[in-house]
Amino acid sequence: MRPSPRLAHPPQPIPTRRRFRANLLPGRQTLRISETFPIVGRTGIGLFLLGLMAVLPWSSAAACPFCESVQQTIRQQSLTMDAVVIASSLDGELTRNLTTGVVKMRIEKVLKGSEHVKVGQEVDAIYYGKVEVGRRFLLSGVDPPHLQWSCLPVSERAEEYIVKASQVKDDPVARLRFFRDYLEDEEALISRDAYDEFASAPYDVIQQIGPDMDRGQLIEWVQQPEIGADRKRLYFTMLGVCGSKDDLPMLEAMLRNPAKSVTGGLDALIACYLTLAGESGLPLIDELFIANHKAPFPQSYAAIMAIRFHGTEGDVIPRSALVESLHKILDRGELADMVIPDLAKWKDWSQIERLKTLFKEAEKDKNWLRVPVINYMRACPLPEAEAAIEELEKIDPEAVRRAKTFFPIPVPVRAKPADEATSQSVPPLKTLRRGTRYAAVVPLAAAPAGTAPVSLAGTDVTATEIGNRSLLAQKTNPWDLGYVITVALASIVLALFLVLTGGPATGVKVA
């Protein structure tokens, strides 16, 4: 590797509770909706976003859990191109067409699309930057036979990197082994591209190259203040894969006294510490960030994200231990709504009474807590949850209506192989309340052979039948689905109408 200290990225604003709630779209850039879509008022924007969320098939791409890939990699971009070549300029500043920006170039190497172009062929490409005879470019072309080219000037070292990367076999593990050596390259284009390859790689692929990682180099990088937070997130993730318990004292010191250069990657630091320490590391995280009511919001949020990672992708700590930490978050009312969905997805039904109390005590200006509580009750198969919904609906019928209209029932995630059962996570079949929409959350293994049928919505259903997808589809209430789809379509139609009629700009920003 070529370790080369580089300036960190510009510091990002510290997230606050208010700013967090405003982050409806991922990414760093601010989109002024009113400049693109003249939607009238907040109501139009809200309906538009809700409509999209309800109709479009959203899916979360599996990638490095704490990394931020800010752009497509050179390899990813080339996959969408018809031809990719290395070319040299035949024009200089005196001979180029200054009006159109056209520069005549000669193809030197063909990386993709040999059926469309050949070495030695001359092509025209538009480039308005500085040009000199012999300057090398990466050209990417689309729409054969008359290819349209985009240009990227490259140095000799970048050209060598791009050519080598194009020759790596199409295997995600082999690719990461190649890009690993360029993470801190002295040339920004190369190091950025290598980082983005890691940032877009699934965590299980990163785990597979653990034996090939340079642990000592990673420890050096995470301690360098000039390396940006985005890269430290990746390096902490990698250290969690290849590190050992010998690294725990260093990580604990960072947690107790987080430097400014580490704060931006605190979520990855906490996850790394827990990966190496296991369940025995949870008390320290609880003490510093979870149960500590004086902990700043960004730090507590980072701890929640780290615990969420270990509950979904990690295989070190059982969920039964992780939910105990999330229970402590419920004592902090301003953060409780962040972890309630996790409790439902991880099938922890031990908090029904506690959540009922939070619902009742929620102030009018902080009623964002109420919808997640209702959704938790909707997902829970226990009869106490159904009774709780009826009771809470009398207090705030609007919150119950919003939960049922705009939010699907949380679907529990698959249990981890070595996971322990959380308290009340798998209720006996006899406690299931009537209503087939909840049958999907019941593990098939919960009922031994010969178990008496369970009555669901007036129909006797055996444990074997509970796992039958066609049965569940037949018992689904079509009115609930039809209502949601109708509202979503109406929202989109309204938004499109406002766009076409050109409503006045509101200046509303979505970060």
Protein backbone atom coordinates (compact mmCIF):
# COMPACT_ATOMS: atom_id res chain seq x y z
CA MET A 1 0.00 0.00 0.00
CA ARG A 2 1.00 3.60 -0.42
CA PRO A 3 -0.09 5.36 2.77
CA SER A 4 -0.34 9.04 2.02
CA PRO A 5 -1.91 11.43 4.49
CA ARG A 6 -4.54 13.51 2.74
CA LEU A 7 -6.67 16.34 3.93
CA ALA A 8 -9.90 15.22 5.48
CA HIS A 9 -13.17 16.07 3.82
CA PRO A 10 -14.81 19.33 4.93
CA PRO A 11 -16.43 18.88 8.34
CA GLN A 12 -20.10 18.07 8.15
CA PRO A 13 -22.66 19.73 10.43
CA ILE A 14 -23.32 17.90 13.66
CA PRO A 15 -26.71 16.20 13.39
CA THR A 16 -29.38 17.36 15.78
CA ARG A 17 -32.77 15.88 16.53
CA ARG A 18 -34.46 18.56 14.40
CA ARG A 19 -32.03 18.12 11.51
CA PHE A 20 -32.37 14.36 11.67
CA ARG A 21 -36.11 14.55 11.25
CA ALA A 22 -35.64 16.78 8.23
CA ASN A 23 -33.43 14.26 6.44
CA LEU A 24 -36.06 12.69 4.22
CA LEU A 25 -33.69 11.96 1.35
CA PRO A 26 -30.23 10.38 1.59
CA GLY A 27 -27.15 12.19 0.38
CA ARG A 28 -25.23 15.32 1.14
CA GLN A 29 -26.66 17.65 -1.48
CA THR A 30 -29.64 19.83 -0.76
CA LEU A 31 -32.50 19.58 -3.23
CA ARG A 32 -34.77 22.58 -3.55
CA ILE A 33 -37.95 20.87 -4.59
CA SER A 34 -39.74 24.05 -5.55
CA GLU A 35 -37.10 24.81 -8.19
CA THR A 36 -37.70 21.47 -9.89
CA PHE A 37 -41.32 20.66 -9.11
CA PRO A 38 -43.63 23.59 -8.38
CA ILE A 39 -45.64 21.75 -5.77
CA VAL A 40 -47.91 23.93 -3.71
CA GLY A 41 -47.20 23.95 0.02
CA ARG A 42 -46.03 21.36 2.52
CA THR A 43 -49.15 19.28 2.06
CA GLY A 44 -48.40 18.67 -1.60
CA ILE A 45 -44.82 17.68 -0.83
CA GLY A 46 -45.90 15.35 1.96
CA LEU A 47 -48.53 13.64 -0.19
CA PHE A 48 -46.09 13.31 -3.05
CA LEU A 49 -43.44 11.61 -0.89
CA LEU A 50 -45.96 9.38 0.86
CA GLY A 51 -47.42 8.35 -2.47
CA LEU A 52 -44.02 7.40 -3.80
CA MET A 53 -43.17 5.45 -0.65
CA ALA A 54 -46.43 3.55 -0.83
CA VAL A 55 -46.27 2.60 -4.51
CA LEU A 56 -42.64 2.29 -5.56
CA PRO A 57 -40.85 -0.96 -4.70
CA TRP A 58 -38.30 0.37 -2.25
CA SER A 59 -35.38 -1.87 -1.41
CA SER A 60 -32.23 -1.35 0.55
CA ALA A 61 -29.07 -2.27 -1.28
CA ALA A 62 -26.72 -4.38 0.73
CA ALA A 63 -23.48 -2.45 1.06
CA CYS A 64 -20.79 -1.56 3.57
CA PRO A 65 -23.02 -0.66 6.56
CA PHE A 66 -21.33 2.59 7.59
CA CYS A 67 -19.75 3.81 4.35
CA GLU A 68 -20.91 6.61 2.10
CA SER A 69 -20.38 5.94 -1.58
CA VAL A 70 -20.73 9.37 -3.17
CA GLN A 71 -20.49 8.34 -6.82
CA GLN A 72 -20.34 5.40 -9.17
CA THR A 73 -16.94 3.82 -9.55
CA ILE A 74 -15.12 3.77 -12.88
CA ARG A 75 -15.88 0.06 -13.13
CA GLN A 76 -19.59 0.56 -12.41
CA GLN A 77 -19.86 3.34 -14.98
CA SER A 78 -18.14 1.23 -17.62
CA LEU A 79 -20.75 -1.50 -17.17
CA THR A 80 -23.38 0.84 -18.64
CA MET A 81 -21.21 1.88 -21.59
CA ASP A 82 -20.98 0.32 -25.05
CA ALA A 83 -17.28 1.08 -25.37
CA VAL A 84 -14.50 2.13 -22.98
CA VAL A 85 -11.07 3.08 -24.30
CA ILE A 86 -7.84 4.87 -23.48
CA ALA A 87 -7.17 7.58 -26.07
CA SER A 88 -4.58 10.29 -26.66
CA SER A 89 -5.30 13.78 -27.93
CA LEU A 90 -4.20 14.64 -31.44
CA ASP A 91 -5.11 18.30 -30.93
CA GLY A 92 -3.55 21.00 -28.84
CA GLU A 93 -4.91 24.36 -27.72
CA LEU A 94 -4.09 25.90 -31.11
CA THR A 95 -5.71 23.24 -33.27
CA ARG A 96 -8.77 22.25 -31.27
CA ASN A 97 -12.23 23.62 -32.07
CA LEU A 98 -12.79 26.21 -29.36
CA THR A 99 -16.40 26.81 -30.41
CA THR A 100 -17.74 23.26 -30.24
CA GLY A 101 -15.15 21.84 -27.83
CA VAL A 102 -14.46 18.94 -30.20
CA VAL A 103 -11.03 17.35 -29.77
CA LYS A 104 -9.69 14.74 -32.19
CA MET A 105 -8.30 11.70 -30.39
CA ARG A 106 -6.68 8.40 -31.30
CA ILE A 107 -7.65 5.18 -29.52
CA GLU A 108 -4.63 3.58 -27.84
CA LYS A 109 -6.24 0.77 -25.81
CA VAL A 110 -9.67 -0.83 -26.00
CA LEU A 111 -10.99 -1.92 -22.59
CA LYS A 112 -14.53 -2.69 -23.71
CA GLY A 113 -16.43 -2.72 -27.00
CA SER A 114 -13.85 -4.12 -29.39
CA GLU A 115 -16.69 -4.87 -31.79
CA HIS A 116 -17.35 -1.12 -32.08
CA VAL A 117 -13.87 0.44 -32.08
CA LYS A 118 -10.28 -0.52 -32.87
CA VAL A 119 -6.84 0.56 -31.67
CA GLY A 120 -5.55 3.37 -33.88
CA GLN A 121 -9.01 4.60 -34.81
CA GLU A 122 -9.56 8.35 -34.64
CA VAL A 123 -12.65 9.71 -32.90
CA ASP A 124 -14.06 13.10 -31.97
CA ALA A 125 -14.86 13.86 -28.34
CA ILE A 126 -16.08 17.02 -26.66
CA TYR A 127 -13.81 18.36 -23.92
CA TYR A 128 -13.55 21.99 -22.78
CA GLY A 129 -10.64 21.57 -20.40
CA LYS A 130 -6.99 22.10 -21.16
CA VAL A 131 -5.74 19.98 -24.05
CA GLU A 132 -2.25 19.23 -25.31
CA VAL A 133 -1.01 16.80 -27.93
CA GLY A 134 -0.55 13.34 -26.45
CA ARG A 135 -2.63 13.94 -23.31
CA ARG A 136 -4.34 10.71 -22.27
CA PHE A 137 -8.07 10.31 -21.64
CA LEU A 138 -10.47 7.63 -20.54
CA LEU A 139 -13.27 7.72 -23.12
CA SER A 140 -16.65 6.12 -22.45
CA GLY A 141 -18.99 5.77 -25.43
CA VAL A 142 -22.67 5.03 -25.91
CA ASP A 143 -25.09 4.57 -28.82
CA PRO A 144 -23.14 2.73 -31.52
CA PRO A 145 -22.38 2.88 -34.37
CA HIS A 146 -21.97 6.65 -33.98
CA LEU A 147 -20.62 6.62 -30.46
CA GLN A 148 -20.97 9.66 -28.23
CA TRP A 149 -17.94 9.99 -25.96
CA SER A 150 -17.49 11.34 -22.44
CA CYS A 151 -13.95 12.24 -21.38
CA LEU A 152 -11.94 11.84 -18.22
CA PRO A 153 -8.30 13.00 -18.32
CA VAL A 154 -6.00 10.49 -16.65
CA SER A 155 -2.39 10.43 -15.53
CA GLU A 156 -0.01 7.64 -16.40
CA ARG A 157 -0.57 6.09 -12.97
CA ALA A 158 -4.37 6.38 -13.22
CA GLU A 159 -4.28 4.78 -16.66
CA GLU A 160 -2.30 1.87 -15.28
CA TYR A 161 -4.81 1.52 -12.43
CA ILE A 162 -7.82 1.57 -14.76
CA VAL A 163 -6.32 -0.98 -17.14
CA LYS A 164 -5.44 -3.34 -14.28
CA ALA A 165 -8.89 -2.95 -12.72
CA SER A 166 -10.52 -3.89 -16.04
CA GLN A 167 -8.55 -7.14 -16.05
CA VAL A 168 -9.66 -8.30 -12.59
CA LYS A 169 -11.99 -11.27 -12.86
CA ASP A 170 -15.66 -10.65 -12.25
CA ASP A 171 -15.67 -11.80 -8.64
CA PRO A 172 -16.53 -9.40 -5.76
CA VAL A 173 -13.90 -10.86 -3.42
CA ALA A 174 -11.17 -10.68 -6.06
CA ARG A 175 -12.13 -7.10 -6.83
CA LEU A 176 -11.81 -6.00 -3.21
CA ARG A 177 -8.44 -7.69 -2.93
CA PHE A 178 -7.31 -5.56 -5.87
CA PHE A 179 -8.78 -2.25 -4.72
CA ARG A 180 -7.53 -2.74 -1.15
CA ASP A 181 -4.01 -1.74 -2.23
CA TYR A 182 -5.21 1.64 -3.51
CA LEU A 183 -7.34 2.88 -0.58
CA GLU A 184 -4.82 5.56 0.43
CA ASP A 185 -3.15 6.07 -2.92
CA GLU A 186 -1.33 9.35 -3.44
CA GLU A 187 -3.57 10.18 -6.42
CA ALA A 188 -7.04 11.35 -5.39
CA LEU A 189 -8.88 9.84 -8.36
CA ILE A 190 -7.48 6.40 -7.59
CA SER A 191 -8.00 6.47 -3.82
CA ARG A 192 -11.55 7.81 -4.21
CA ASP A 193 -12.46 5.13 -6.73
CA ALA A 194 -10.99 2.35 -4.57
CA TYR A 195 -12.88 3.65 -1.54
CA ASP A 196 -16.16 3.75 -3.48
CA GLU A 197 -15.64 0.12 -4.51
CA PHE A 198 -15.43 -0.86 -0.84
CA ALA A 199 -18.29 1.43 0.15
CA SER A 200 -20.62 -0.26 -2.32
CA ALA A 201 -19.53 -3.81 -1.40
CA PRO A 202 -21.75 -5.97 0.84
CA TYR A 203 -20.49 -6.56 4.37
CA ASP A 204 -20.28 -10.31 3.90
CA VAL A 205 -17.88 -9.78 0.97
CA ILE A 206 -15.71 -7.49 3.10
CA GLN A 207 -15.63 -10.23 5.74
CA GLN A 208 -14.25 -12.70 3.22
CA ILE A 209 -11.08 -10.68 2.63
CA GLY A 210 -10.39 -10.37 6.37
CA PRO A 211 -7.30 -12.63 6.26
CA ASP A 212 -5.80 -10.43 3.53
CA MET A 213 -6.20 -7.14 5.43
CA ASP A 214 -3.26 -5.29 6.93
CA ARG A 215 -4.35 -4.89 10.56
CA GLY A 216 -1.39 -2.71 11.51
CA GLN A 217 -2.05 -0.35 8.61
CA LEU A 218 -5.73 -0.03 9.56
CA ILE A 219 -4.83 0.81 13.16
CA GLU A 220 -2.50 3.51 11.89
CA TRP A 221 -5.16 4.97 9.60
CA VAL A 222 -7.95 5.14 12.21
CA GLN A 223 -5.62 7.12 14.46
CA GLN A 224 -4.65 9.69 11.84
CA PRO A 225 -6.68 12.88 12.41
CA GLU A 226 -6.25 14.07 8.82
CA ILE A 227 -8.13 11.09 7.34
CA GLY A 228 -11.80 11.90 6.76
CA ALA A 229 -14.71 10.42 8.71
CA ASP A 230 -16.10 8.56 5.70
CA ARG A 231 -12.88 6.63 5.28
CA LYS A 232 -12.55 5.99 9.00
CA ARG A 233 -15.98 4.38 8.91
CA LEU A 234 -14.67 1.93 6.35
CA TYR A 235 -11.41 1.34 8.21
CA PHE A 236 -13.21 0.68 11.51
CA THR A 237 -15.48 -1.77 9.68
CA MET A 238 -12.44 -3.54 8.24
CA LEU A 239 -10.68 -3.54 11.62
CA GLY A 240 -13.72 -5.23 13.13
CA VAL A 241 -13.22 -8.01 10.58
CA CYS A 242 -9.47 -8.55 11.00
CA GLY A 243 -8.78 -7.13 14.49
CA SER A 244 -8.42 -8.91 17.82
CA LYS A 245 -9.13 -8.34 21.50
CA ASP A 246 -5.70 -6.76 21.73
CA ASP A 247 -7.21 -3.73 19.99
CA LEU A 248 -9.93 -3.22 22.62
CA PRO A 249 -7.95 -0.90 24.95
CA MET A 250 -7.23 1.46 22.04
CA LEU A 251 -10.86 1.42 20.91
CA GLU A 252 -12.15 1.95 24.46
CA ALA A 253 -9.91 4.98 24.86
CA MET A 254 -11.35 6.39 21.64
CA LEU A 255 -14.89 5.78 22.89
CA ARG A 256 -14.32 7.44 26.24
CA ASN A 257 -12.62 10.48 24.72
CA PRO A 258 -13.77 10.72 21.11
CA ALA A 259 -11.66 13.16 19.12
CA LYS A 260 -13.22 15.43 16.53
CA SER A 261 -11.73 13.34 13.76
CA VAL A 262 -13.47 10.24 15.17
CA THR A 263 -16.87 11.71 16.03
CA GLY A 264 -18.10 11.55 12.44
CA GLY A 265 -17.40 7.81 12.33
CA LEU A 266 -18.51 6.99 15.86
CA ASP A 267 -21.15 4.52 14.68
CA ALA A 268 -18.50 2.41 12.92
CA LEU A 269 -16.16 2.73 15.91
CA ILE A 270 -18.83 1.43 18.29
CA ALA A 271 -19.71 -1.40 15.90
CA CYS A 272 -16.03 -2.31 15.61
CA TYR A 273 -15.64 -2.37 19.39
CA LEU A 274 -18.70 -4.59 19.82
CA THR A 275 -17.55 -6.93 17.05
CA LEU A 276 -14.27 -7.56 18.85
CA ALA A 277 -15.59 -7.43 22.43
CA GLY A 278 -18.82 -9.34 21.85
CA GLU A 279 -21.70 -9.19 24.32
CA SER A 280 -19.33 -8.18 27.12
CA GLY A 281 -18.80 -4.84 25.37
CA LEU A 282 -22.43 -3.74 25.66
CA PRO A 283 -22.20 -2.39 29.25
CA LEU A 284 -19.62 0.21 28.18
CA ILE A 285 -21.77 1.36 25.23
CA ASP A 286 -24.82 1.54 27.50
CA GLU A 287 -22.89 3.56 30.05
CA LEU A 288 -21.47 6.08 27.58
CA PHE A 289 -24.20 6.52 24.98
CA ILE A 290 -27.42 4.59 25.67
CA ALA A 291 -28.37 4.98 29.34
CA ASN A 292 -26.46 8.25 29.66
CA HIS A 293 -29.16 10.94 29.37
CA LYS A 294 -26.44 13.59 29.03
CA ALA A 295 -24.96 11.98 25.93
CA PRO A 296 -25.36 14.25 22.88
CA PHE A 297 -27.90 13.14 20.32
CA PRO A 298 -25.29 12.39 17.58
CA GLN A 299 -23.46 10.01 19.91
CA SER A 300 -26.59 8.20 21.06
CA TYR A 301 -27.80 7.93 17.48
CA ALA A 302 -24.43 6.47 16.47
CA ALA A 303 -24.79 3.84 19.20
CA ILE A 304 -28.29 2.95 17.99
CA MET A 305 -26.99 2.50 14.45
CA ALA A 306 -24.18 0.25 15.69
CA ILE A 307 -26.59 -1.91 17.68
CA ARG A 308 -28.94 -2.07 14.70
CA PHE A 309 -26.05 -3.27 12.54
CA HIS A 310 -25.25 -6.07 14.98
CA GLY A 311 -28.91 -7.08 15.09
CA THR A 312 -29.22 -7.34 11.32
CA GLU A 313 -25.82 -8.10 9.76
CA GLY A 314 -23.56 -8.96 12.67
CA ASP A 315 -23.22 -12.52 13.91
CA VAL A 316 -21.40 -11.89 17.19
CA ILE A 317 -24.04 -10.69 19.68
CA PRO A 318 -27.48 -12.33 20.06
CA ARG A 319 -30.50 -10.09 19.65
CA SER A 320 -31.66 -11.02 23.12
CA ALA A 321 -28.70 -9.01 24.48
CA LEU A 322 -29.06 -6.17 21.97
CA VAL A 323 -32.72 -5.51 22.80
CA GLU A 324 -31.78 -5.04 26.44
CA SER A 325 -29.75 -2.02 25.34
CA LEU A 326 -32.62 -0.76 23.19
CA HIS A 327 -34.93 -1.03 26.20
CA LYS A 328 -32.81 1.64 27.90
CA ILE A 329 -33.45 3.99 24.97
CA LEU A 330 -37.17 3.82 25.79
CA ASP A 331 -36.36 5.76 28.97
CA ARG A 332 -35.27 8.66 26.76
CA GLY A 333 -38.53 9.83 25.24
CA GLU A 334 -36.90 11.94 22.53
CA LEU A 335 -35.16 8.87 21.12
CA ALA A 336 -37.68 6.11 21.82
CA ASP A 337 -39.36 6.21 18.40
CA MET A 338 -36.05 5.28 16.75
CA VAL A 339 -35.83 1.85 18.36
CA ILE A 340 -39.48 0.77 18.54
CA PRO A 341 -39.44 -0.54 14.92
CA ASP A 342 -36.34 -2.57 15.76
CA LEU A 343 -38.09 -4.20 18.71
CA ALA A 344 -40.95 -5.19 16.40
CA LYS A 345 -38.67 -6.53 13.66
CA TRP A 346 -36.68 -8.52 16.21
CA LYS A 347 -39.93 -9.90 17.74
CA ASP A 348 -39.38 -8.56 21.23
CA TRP A 349 -42.93 -8.36 22.61
CA SER A 350 -41.96 -7.69 26.21
CA GLN A 351 -42.55 -3.94 26.03
CA ILE A 352 -46.31 -3.69 25.45
CA GLU A 353 -47.14 -2.04 28.77
CA ARG A 354 -44.14 0.24 28.60
CA LEU A 355 -45.07 1.45 25.12
CA LYS A 356 -48.66 2.00 26.17
CA THR A 357 -47.37 4.31 28.89
CA LEU A 358 -45.16 6.19 26.43
CA PHE A 359 -48.12 6.63 24.10
CA LYS A 360 -50.29 8.05 26.85
CA GLU A 361 -47.57 10.36 28.16
CA ALA A 362 -46.55 11.72 24.75
CA GLU A 363 -47.14 15.46 24.54
CA LYS A 364 -49.08 16.93 21.65
CA ASP A 365 -46.00 18.54 20.12
CA LYS A 366 -44.06 15.27 20.44
CA ASN A 367 -46.66 12.82 19.19
CA TRP A 368 -44.27 11.34 16.61
CA LEU A 369 -43.87 8.53 19.15
CA ARG A 370 -47.44 7.35 18.80
CA VAL A 371 -47.44 5.93 15.27
CA PRO A 372 -44.42 3.65 15.91
CA VAL A 373 -46.14 2.39 19.07
CA ILE A 374 -49.28 1.49 17.11
CA ASN A 375 -47.23 -0.26 14.43
CA TYR A 376 -45.45 -2.27 17.13
CA MET A 377 -48.84 -3.37 18.48
CA ARG A 378 -50.05 -4.23 14.96
CA ALA A 379 -47.05 -6.51 14.44
CA CYS A 380 -47.33 -8.20 17.81
CA PRO A 381 -49.32 -11.49 17.72
CA LEU A 382 -50.27 -11.35 21.41
CA PRO A 383 -53.87 -10.60 22.41
CA GLU A 384 -52.61 -7.89 24.79
CA ALA A 385 -51.44 -5.89 21.76
CA GLU A 386 -54.86 -5.96 20.11
CA ALA A 387 -56.44 -4.78 23.34
CA ALA A 388 -53.84 -2.03 23.58
CA ILE A 389 -54.72 -0.74 20.10
CA GLU A 390 -58.38 -0.47 21.06
CA GLU A 391 -57.46 1.36 24.24
CA LEU A 392 -55.03 3.77 22.58
CA GLU A 393 -57.41 4.49 19.71
CA LYS A 394 -59.74 6.13 22.20
CA ILE A 395 -56.92 8.51 23.20
CA ASP A 396 -55.65 9.41 19.72
CA PRO A 397 -57.73 7.92 16.88
CA GLU A 398 -55.81 10.02 14.33
CA ALA A 399 -52.49 8.35 15.23
CA VAL A 400 -54.07 4.92 14.80
CA ARG A 401 -55.58 5.94 11.47
CA ARG A 402 -52.23 7.25 10.18
CA ALA A 403 -50.45 4.07 11.26
CA LYS A 404 -52.95 1.81 9.50
CA THR A 405 -53.20 3.98 6.38
CA PHE A 406 -49.63 4.89 5.55
CA PHE A 407 -47.52 2.20 7.18
CA PRO A 408 -47.40 -1.55 6.53
CA ILE A 409 -47.24 -3.92 9.45
CA PRO A 410 -43.56 -4.33 10.42
CA VAL A 411 -42.30 -7.66 9.14
CA PRO A 412 -40.04 -9.48 11.61
CA VAL A 413 -36.59 -10.23 10.22
CA ARG A 414 -35.30 -13.75 9.96
CA ALA A 415 -33.71 -15.04 13.14
CA LYS A 416 -29.92 -15.22 13.15
CA PRO A 417 -28.58 -18.79 13.15
CA ALA A 418 -27.05 -18.68 16.63
CA ASP A 419 -29.50 -16.20 18.06
CA GLU A 420 -31.19 -16.67 21.38
CA ALA A 421 -34.89 -16.00 21.68
CA THR A 422 -35.81 -12.62 23.10
CA SER A 423 -38.26 -12.40 25.94
CA GLN A 424 -41.77 -13.24 24.72
CA SER A 425 -40.43 -13.20 21.18
CA VAL A 426 -42.18 -16.42 20.13
CA PRO A 427 -45.61 -16.73 21.71
CA PRO A 428 -47.24 -20.13 21.90
CA LEU A 429 -49.75 -20.70 19.15
CA LYS A 430 -52.66 -20.78 21.55
CA THR A 431 -52.08 -17.10 22.37
CA LEU A 432 -52.50 -15.92 18.79
CA ARG A 433 -55.32 -13.48 18.43
CA ARG A 434 -57.84 -13.75 15.63
CA GLY A 435 -56.86 -12.16 12.35
CA THR A 436 -54.90 -13.92 9.62
CA ARG A 437 -52.77 -10.88 8.83
CA TYR A 438 -50.62 -11.75 11.86
CA ALA A 439 -50.06 -15.38 10.95
CA ALA A 440 -46.94 -14.54 8.95
CA VAL A 441 -45.00 -13.58 12.08
CA VAL A 442 -45.40 -17.00 13.70
CA PRO A 443 -42.35 -19.25 13.24
CA LEU A 444 -43.29 -22.63 11.86
CA ALA A 445 -41.03 -24.29 14.41
CA ALA A 446 -43.14 -22.81 17.20
CA ALA A 447 -45.73 -25.53 16.90
CA PRO A 448 -44.75 -29.15 17.46
CA ALA A 449 -46.27 -31.87 15.35
CA GLY A 450 -49.82 -32.68 16.30
CA THR A 451 -50.61 -29.23 17.69
CA ALA A 452 -54.29 -28.46 17.73
CA PRO A 453 -55.52 -26.13 15.01
CA VAL A 454 -55.51 -22.41 15.71
CA SER A 455 -58.63 -20.44 14.98
CA LEU A 456 -57.81 -17.48 12.73
CA ALA A 457 -60.62 -15.23 11.57
CA GLY A 458 -63.14 -17.98 12.04
CA THR A 459 -61.11 -20.60 10.16
CA ASP A 460 -59.33 -23.55 11.73
CA VAL A 461 -55.71 -23.41 10.57
CA THR A 462 -53.03 -25.89 11.51
CA ALA A 463 -49.41 -24.95 12.11
CA THR A 464 -48.48 -26.41 8.74
CA GLU A 465 -51.09 -24.28 6.99
CA ILE A 466 -49.78 -21.15 8.68
CA GLY A 467 -46.70 -21.43 6.50
CA ASN A 468 -48.75 -21.73 3.32
CA ARG A 469 -48.36 -18.52 1.33
CA SER A 470 -51.45 -19.14 -0.75
CA LEU A 471 -53.57 -19.44 2.39
CA LEU A 472 -52.26 -16.14 3.71
CA ALA A 473 -52.98 -14.51 0.37
CA GLN A 474 -56.55 -15.79 0.44
CA LYS A 475 -57.11 -14.44 3.94
CA THR A 476 -55.62 -11.01 3.32
CA ASN A 477 -58.12 -8.20 3.75
CA PRO A 478 -58.38 -6.61 0.26
CA TRP A 479 -60.02 -3.45 1.63
CA ASP A 480 -56.91 -2.48 3.62
CA LEU A 481 -54.69 -2.89 0.57
CA GLY A 482 -57.14 -1.17 -1.75
CA TYR A 483 -57.43 1.82 0.58
CA VAL A 484 -53.68 2.33 0.77
CA ILE A 485 -53.25 2.02 -3.01
CA THR A 486 -56.11 4.44 -3.64
CA VAL A 487 -54.64 7.06 -1.33
CA ALA A 488 -51.19 6.62 -2.88
CA LEU A 489 -52.46 6.94 -6.44
CA ALA A 490 -54.54 9.97 -5.53
CA SER A 491 -51.47 11.58 -3.99
CA ILE A 492 -49.42 11.02 -7.13
CA VAL A 493 -52.19 12.33 -9.38
CA LEU A 494 -52.46 15.44 -7.23
CA ALA A 495 -48.71 15.97 -7.34
CA LEU A 496 -48.58 15.57 -11.11
CA PHE A 497 -51.48 17.98 -11.51
CA LEU A 498 -49.69 20.59 -9.45
CA VAL A 499 -46.51 20.06 -11.48
CA LEU A 500 -48.30 20.47 -14.79
CA THR A 501 -50.29 23.51 -13.68
CA GLY A 502 -47.16 25.24 -12.41
CA GLY A 503 -48.01 26.11 -8.82
CA PRO A 504 -45.99 28.85 -7.11
CA ALA A 505 -42.54 28.02 -5.74
CA THR A 506 -42.43 27.57 -1.99
CA GLY A 507 -38.71 27.38 -1.38
CA VAL A 508 -39.14 24.29 0.78
CA LYS A 509 -35.89 22.41 1.16
CA VAL A 510 -35.49 18.71 1.59
CA ALA A 511 -32.03 17.78 2.90
